[in-house]
């Protein structure tokens, strides 16, 4: 769903809000990745306060896989695990 505005705000499902709220409360910030599929029929932004470097906007499964790999490798390098 969308709320009016410029750009409009998108409303996530209640399940997504609960899961993200849990993650924000119980996990370290670097353990959270917010992924959103880019869709022409839903323009706007989600009102979540997650750092931009931990957000992924993807077009299809191949794009998501590539972006996740890059993001996870970058996080692991920070701790010398790759």
Protein backbone atom coordinates (compact mmCIF):
# COMPACT_ATOMS: atom_id res chain seq x y z
CA UNK A 1 0.00 0.00 0.00
CA UNK A 2 0.99 3.62 -0.43
CA UNK A 3 0.44 6.81 1.55
CA UNK A 4 0.14 10.08 -0.39
CA UNK A 5 3.15 12.34 -0.55
CA UNK A 6 6.02 13.23 -2.83
CA UNK A 7 7.49 10.64 -3.08
CA UNK A 8 4.78 8.47 -1.58
CA UNK A 9 5.54 6.37 1.49
CA UNK A 10 5.12 2.64 1.06
CA UNK A 11 3.50 0.54 3.78
CA UNK A 12 5.03 -2.85 4.49
CA UNK A 13 2.96 -5.76 5.71
CA UNK A 14 2.50 -6.17 9.45
CA UNK A 15 4.76 -9.25 9.40
CA UNK A 16 7.62 -7.28 7.85
CA UNK A 17 7.21 -4.51 10.42
CA UNK A 18 7.27 -6.99 13.31
CA UNK A 19 10.33 -8.82 11.96
CA UNK A 20 12.22 -5.59 11.30
CA UNK A 21 11.29 -4.25 14.74
CA UNK A 22 12.61 -7.45 16.32
CA UNK A 23 15.83 -7.23 14.32
CA UNK A 24 16.38 -3.57 15.20
CA UNK A 25 15.87 -4.33 18.89
CA UNK A 26 17.78 -7.62 19.18
CA UNK A 27 20.49 -7.61 16.51
CA UNK A 28 23.53 -5.46 15.87
CA UNK A 29 23.00 -2.94 13.09
CA UNK A 30 25.51 -4.65 10.77
CA UNK A 31 23.52 -7.90 11.01
CA UNK A 32 20.47 -6.37 9.31
CA UNK A 33 19.92 -6.24 5.55
CA UNK A 34 16.72 -4.69 4.22
CA UNK A 35 15.88 -5.97 0.72
CA UNK A 36 13.16 -4.46 -1.45
CA UNK A 37 12.09 -5.46 -4.93
CA UNK A 38 11.90 -2.51 -7.33
CA UNK A 39 8.44 -2.53 -8.88
CA UNK A 40 6.99 -0.09 -11.39
CA UNK A 41 3.52 -0.36 -9.82
CA UNK A 42 4.81 0.73 -6.37
CA UNK A 43 6.96 3.84 -6.37
CA UNK A 44 8.12 5.57 -3.23
CA UNK A 45 10.14 4.71 -0.16
CA UNK A 46 9.72 2.66 2.99
CA UNK A 47 9.92 4.69 6.21
CA UNK A 48 12.51 2.44 7.88
CA UNK A 49 15.60 3.88 9.53
CA UNK A 50 18.17 1.39 8.25
CA UNK A 51 21.53 2.71 6.97
CA UNK A 52 21.57 2.94 3.17
CA UNK A 53 24.62 0.64 2.94
CA UNK A 54 22.46 -2.10 4.47
CA UNK A 55 19.59 -1.73 2.02
CA UNK A 56 19.24 -3.56 -1.27
CA UNK A 57 16.86 -2.63 -4.07
CA UNK A 58 16.73 -5.46 -6.60
CA UNK A 59 14.92 -6.18 -9.87
CA UNK A 60 14.98 -9.99 -10.03
CA UNK A 61 16.43 -13.06 -8.31
CA UNK A 62 19.74 -12.84 -10.19
CA UNK A 63 20.17 -9.20 -9.20
CA UNK A 64 19.32 -9.99 -5.56
CA UNK A 65 21.83 -12.85 -5.45
CA UNK A 66 24.63 -10.68 -6.84
CA UNK A 67 23.93 -7.79 -4.49
CA UNK A 68 23.62 -10.03 -1.43
CA UNK A 69 26.94 -11.70 -2.22
CA UNK A 70 28.68 -8.33 -2.51
CA UNK A 71 27.12 -6.93 0.65
CA UNK A 72 27.78 -10.02 2.78
CA UNK A 73 31.40 -10.23 1.59
CA UNK A 74 31.92 -6.56 2.50
CA UNK A 75 30.52 -7.17 5.99
CA UNK A 76 32.72 -10.26 6.49
CA UNK A 77 35.84 -8.36 5.35
CA UNK A 78 35.26 -5.84 8.14
CA UNK A 79 35.93 -8.64 10.61
CA UNK A 80 38.71 -10.35 8.64
CA UNK A 81 36.53 -13.37 7.88
CA UNK A 82 37.04 -13.36 4.10
